[in-house]
Amino acid sequence: MQAHILIVEDEPAIRDMIAYALRTQSYQPVCAQDGKEALQAVAERIPDLILLDWMLPGTTGIELVRRFRKEANTRNVPIIMLTAKGEESDRIAGFDSGADDYVVKPFSARELLARIKAVLRRSRETEDDGSIEIGALRLDGRQQKLLVHGQSVHVGPTEYRLLHFFMSHAGRVYTRNQLLDFVWGGGSEIEDRTVDVHVRRLRKVLEPFRLESMIETVRGSGYRFADTGLKA
């Protein structure tokens, strides 16, 4: 089944161009012109991917990304930001809010389609039951187990959720506060340093397999899961 893609864009010409390009690739586009329509569309059906303009009437795309990332039903939906804001600081703000990719206007339909295919390919590495595999590591979503080189390894429930999030977003840097939101939940009242404790525990689990360095500390920012060198 082809992907169901929500386009949130207030400029009709751009919105129609994107929808047409998506249909040429057999995607199923649904359009919204502002945040209110976007939330209504998501309530009716969770999309496989969201294309989200930064500047929208009534609310900003950044605010919508943050809302989507805090709600359980949209937390893992891939989001590509579409914007005329092309400065490095703007890109960083987009990624920090939780966007998976960032496309600067004006863009070609060909470029956008390539980005969509890449983001969908990454998101589909996670199987329907929540299982995910990268190189030597596999998380069995059905049994909530960690396998390393096919060997079952004990890991606590919090470390399992943390590793699942890292593997699902390999290569991206996340701050402690973002990890608290995404892994522990936005309403959690625990301190951000708690993240460090669970990262240390997770590294200790991976240490016998010499994979602890896959969870990188990014000085001044947070943590990142690096899949380089994990190929089985």
Protein backbone atom coordinates (compact mmCIF):
# COMPACT_ATOMS: atom_id res chain seq x y z
CA MET A 1 0.00 0.00 0.00
CA GLN A 2 1.32 3.43 -0.93
CA ALA A 3 2.13 5.97 1.73
CA HIS A 4 -0.53 8.37 3.01
CA ILE A 5 1.14 11.82 3.13
CA LEU A 6 -0.25 14.93 4.82
CA ILE A 7 0.71 18.25 3.20
CA VAL A 8 0.40 21.24 5.55
CA GLU A 9 0.98 24.33 3.39
CA ASP A 10 -0.95 27.60 3.20
CA GLU A 11 0.13 28.60 -0.33
CA PRO A 12 -2.29 26.92 -2.78
CA ALA A 13 0.17 26.84 -5.71
CA ILE A 14 2.85 25.06 -3.68
CA ARG A 15 0.30 22.75 -2.06
CA ASP A 16 -1.15 21.73 -5.44
CA MET A 17 2.30 21.23 -6.97
CA ILE A 18 3.33 18.91 -4.15
CA ALA A 19 0.07 16.95 -4.28
CA TYR A 20 0.45 16.46 -8.03
CA ALA A 21 4.06 15.29 -7.67
CA LEU A 22 3.01 12.81 -4.97
CA ARG A 23 0.25 11.37 -7.13
CA THR A 24 2.71 10.76 -9.98
CA GLN A 25 4.52 8.39 -7.59
CA SER A 26 1.25 6.77 -6.43
CA TYR A 27 1.40 8.37 -2.98
CA GLN A 28 -1.89 9.38 -1.38
CA PRO A 29 -1.78 13.12 -0.51
CA VAL A 30 -4.13 14.86 1.90
CA CYS A 31 -3.95 18.66 2.15
CA ALA A 32 -4.31 21.13 5.02
CA GLN A 33 -3.80 24.87 4.87
CA ASP A 34 -3.23 25.56 8.56
CA GLY A 35 -2.66 23.93 11.93
CA LYS A 36 -6.33 23.44 12.68
CA GLU A 37 -6.93 21.51 9.46
CA ALA A 38 -3.73 19.54 10.02
CA LEU A 39 -4.85 18.39 13.48
CA GLN A 40 -8.25 17.45 12.10
CA ALA A 41 -6.66 15.43 9.29
CA VAL A 42 -4.42 13.59 11.76
CA ALA A 43 -7.42 12.86 14.00
CA GLU A 44 -9.19 11.22 11.05
CA ARG A 45 -6.17 9.19 9.96
CA ILE A 46 -2.55 8.99 11.09
CA PRO A 47 -0.37 9.73 8.04
CA ASP A 48 2.75 7.83 7.08
CA LEU A 49 4.60 11.13 6.66
CA ILE A 50 3.91 14.84 7.17
CA LEU A 51 5.19 17.65 4.92
CA LEU A 52 4.97 20.74 7.09
CA ASP A 53 5.44 24.41 6.18
CA TRP A 54 7.19 26.52 8.82
CA MET A 55 5.11 29.69 8.39
CA LEU A 56 1.40 28.95 8.82
CA PRO A 57 -1.55 31.16 9.78
CA GLY A 58 -2.45 30.91 13.45
CA THR A 59 0.45 28.69 14.49
CA THR A 60 3.92 27.81 13.27
CA GLY A 61 5.16 24.56 11.83
CA ILE A 62 7.67 24.38 14.69
CA GLU A 63 4.85 24.47 17.24
CA LEU A 64 3.01 21.74 15.34
CA VAL A 65 6.11 19.51 15.22
CA ARG A 66 6.53 19.83 18.97
CA ARG A 67 2.88 18.95 19.51
CA PHE A 68 3.06 15.94 17.19
CA ARG A 69 6.20 14.69 18.95
CA LYS A 70 4.54 14.84 22.37
CA GLU A 71 1.42 12.92 21.38
CA ALA A 72 1.64 9.14 21.38
CA ASN A 73 -0.20 8.57 18.10
CA THR A 74 2.08 10.92 16.10
CA ARG A 75 5.32 10.62 18.05
CA ASN A 76 6.99 8.42 15.42
CA VAL A 77 5.44 9.87 12.25
CA PRO A 78 8.25 11.21 10.01
CA ILE A 79 8.08 14.98 9.44
CA ILE A 80 9.80 16.99 6.70
CA MET A 81 9.85 20.75 7.22
CA LEU A 82 9.27 22.96 4.15
CA THR A 83 10.44 26.55 4.53
CA ALA A 84 12.11 29.56 2.99
CA LYS A 85 14.23 29.86 6.15
CA GLY A 86 17.56 28.49 5.00
CA GLU A 87 20.02 29.77 7.61
CA GLU A 88 21.95 27.24 9.70
CA SER A 89 20.24 28.47 12.87
CA ASP A 90 16.85 27.87 11.26
CA ARG A 91 17.79 24.36 10.23
CA ILE A 92 19.00 23.59 13.74
CA ALA A 93 15.74 24.93 15.19
CA GLY A 94 13.78 22.70 12.82
CA PHE A 95 15.73 19.59 13.76
CA ASP A 96 15.67 20.45 17.46
CA SER A 97 11.89 20.65 17.36
CA GLY A 98 11.76 17.03 16.15
CA ALA A 99 11.68 17.27 12.34
CA ASP A 100 13.31 14.39 10.46
CA ASP A 101 14.38 16.43 7.44
CA TYR A 102 14.39 20.02 6.22
CA VAL A 103 13.79 21.22 2.64
CA VAL A 104 14.40 24.87 1.74
CA LYS A 105 12.15 26.73 -0.70
CA PRO A 106 12.28 27.00 -3.62
CA PHE A 107 12.75 23.26 -4.19
CA SER A 108 12.12 20.97 -7.14
CA ALA A 109 9.55 18.19 -7.09
CA ARG A 110 12.36 15.78 -7.88
CA GLU A 111 14.36 16.81 -4.81
CA LEU A 112 11.33 16.62 -2.55
CA LEU A 113 10.38 13.16 -3.79
CA ALA A 114 13.93 11.94 -3.18
CA ARG A 115 13.81 13.26 0.39
CA ILE A 116 10.42 11.64 0.98
CA LYS A 117 11.65 8.26 -0.27
CA ALA A 118 14.74 8.44 1.97
CA VAL A 119 12.76 9.38 5.10
CA LEU A 120 10.12 6.71 4.47
CA ARG A 121 12.82 4.10 3.88
CA ARG A 122 14.42 4.90 7.24
CA SER A 123 11.10 4.87 9.07
CA ARG A 124 10.13 1.49 7.60
CA GLU A 125 13.23 -0.15 9.04
CA THR A 126 11.02 -0.47 12.11
CA GLU A 127 8.66 -3.42 11.66
CA ASP A 128 4.93 -3.34 12.37
CA ASP A 129 5.31 -4.99 15.78
CA GLY A 130 7.96 -2.47 16.86
CA SER A 131 10.93 -4.68 16.04
CA ILE A 132 13.98 -2.97 14.61
CA GLU A 133 17.35 -4.27 13.47
CA ILE A 134 20.57 -2.43 12.73
CA GLY A 135 23.64 -4.54 12.11
CA ALA A 136 24.39 -6.75 15.12
CA LEU A 137 21.55 -5.30 17.21
CA ARG A 138 17.93 -6.38 17.04
CA LEU A 139 15.05 -5.33 19.26
CA ASP A 140 12.23 -7.87 19.21
CA GLY A 141 9.10 -5.76 19.64
CA ARG A 142 6.82 -8.73 20.25
CA GLN A 143 8.89 -10.13 23.10
CA GLN A 144 10.49 -6.83 24.20
CA LYS A 145 13.94 -8.43 23.99
CA LEU A 146 17.37 -7.25 22.91
CA LEU A 147 19.39 -9.59 20.70
CA VAL A 148 23.07 -8.99 19.94
CA HIS A 149 24.51 -11.22 17.20
CA GLY A 150 21.40 -13.35 17.76
CA GLN A 151 22.14 -13.75 21.48
CA SER A 152 19.45 -12.67 23.96
CA VAL A 153 20.77 -9.99 26.32
CA HIS A 154 18.95 -8.77 29.42
CA VAL A 155 18.06 -5.08 29.38
CA GLY A 156 15.73 -3.12 31.65
CA PRO A 157 12.44 -1.73 30.29
CA THR A 158 13.62 1.89 30.34
CA GLU A 159 16.90 1.03 28.64
CA TYR A 160 14.92 -0.96 26.06
CA ARG A 161 12.73 2.06 25.27
CA LEU A 162 15.76 4.33 25.14
CA LEU A 163 17.65 2.01 22.78
CA HIS A 164 14.57 1.62 20.59
CA PHE A 165 14.30 5.39 20.27
CA PHE A 166 18.00 5.74 19.48
CA MET A 167 17.91 2.99 16.83
CA SER A 168 14.75 4.44 15.29
CA HIS A 169 16.49 7.82 14.94
CA ALA A 170 20.07 6.79 14.17
CA GLY A 171 22.44 9.66 13.44
CA ARG A 172 20.29 12.37 15.05
CA VAL A 173 21.46 14.30 18.12
CA TYR A 174 18.95 14.63 20.97
CA THR A 175 19.22 16.75 24.09
CA ARG A 176 18.43 15.30 27.50
CA ASN A 177 15.16 17.21 27.62
CA GLN A 178 14.13 15.88 24.21
CA LEU A 179 14.88 12.33 25.32
CA LEU A 180 12.80 12.89 28.44
CA ASP A 181 9.89 14.01 26.25
CA PHE A 182 10.18 11.25 23.67
CA VAL A 183 11.15 8.27 25.87
CA TRP A 184 9.74 9.09 29.31
CA GLY A 185 6.80 11.22 28.15
CA GLY A 186 6.18 14.95 28.19
CA GLY A 187 4.47 14.90 31.59
CA SER A 188 7.40 13.26 33.35
CA GLU A 189 8.78 15.17 36.37
CA ILE A 190 12.18 13.49 36.56
CA GLU A 191 15.46 15.39 36.22
CA ASP A 192 17.29 15.51 32.92
CA ARG A 193 20.38 13.95 34.53
CA THR A 194 18.37 10.75 34.88
CA VAL A 195 18.99 10.30 31.15
CA ASP A 196 22.73 10.06 31.85
CA VAL A 197 22.13 7.24 34.33
CA HIS A 198 20.17 5.16 31.83
CA VAL A 199 22.66 5.86 29.05
CA ARG A 200 25.44 4.53 31.29
CA ARG A 201 23.39 1.41 32.04
CA LEU A 202 22.74 0.87 28.36
CA ARG A 203 26.40 1.26 27.49
CA LYS A 204 27.26 -1.29 30.19
CA VAL A 205 24.89 -3.78 28.52
CA LEU A 206 26.58 -3.23 25.14
CA GLU A 207 30.15 -3.12 26.50
CA PRO A 208 30.84 -6.91 26.38
CA PHE A 209 30.13 -6.74 22.63
CA ARG A 210 32.28 -3.63 22.15
CA LEU A 211 29.26 -1.70 20.95
CA GLU A 212 28.98 0.81 23.78
CA SER A 213 30.58 3.54 21.63
CA MET A 214 27.54 3.43 19.32
CA ILE A 215 25.81 5.69 21.84
CA GLU A 216 27.84 8.85 21.44
CA THR A 217 28.01 11.82 23.77
CA VAL A 218 27.86 15.04 21.75
CA ARG A 219 29.53 17.68 23.87
CA GLY A 220 27.23 20.57 24.72
CA SER A 221 24.24 18.94 22.99
CA GLY A 222 23.25 15.47 24.17
CA TYR A 223 23.43 11.98 22.72
CA ARG A 224 23.40 10.32 19.32
CA PHE A 225 23.15 6.71 18.14
CA ALA A 226 25.79 6.07 15.49
CA ASP A 227 25.11 3.05 13.26
CA THR A 228 28.58 3.24 11.66
CA GLY A 229 30.41 -0.01 12.29
CA LEU A 230 27.31 -1.90 13.31
CA LYS A 231 27.06 -3.91 10.11
CA ALA A 232 26.90 -7.59 10.90
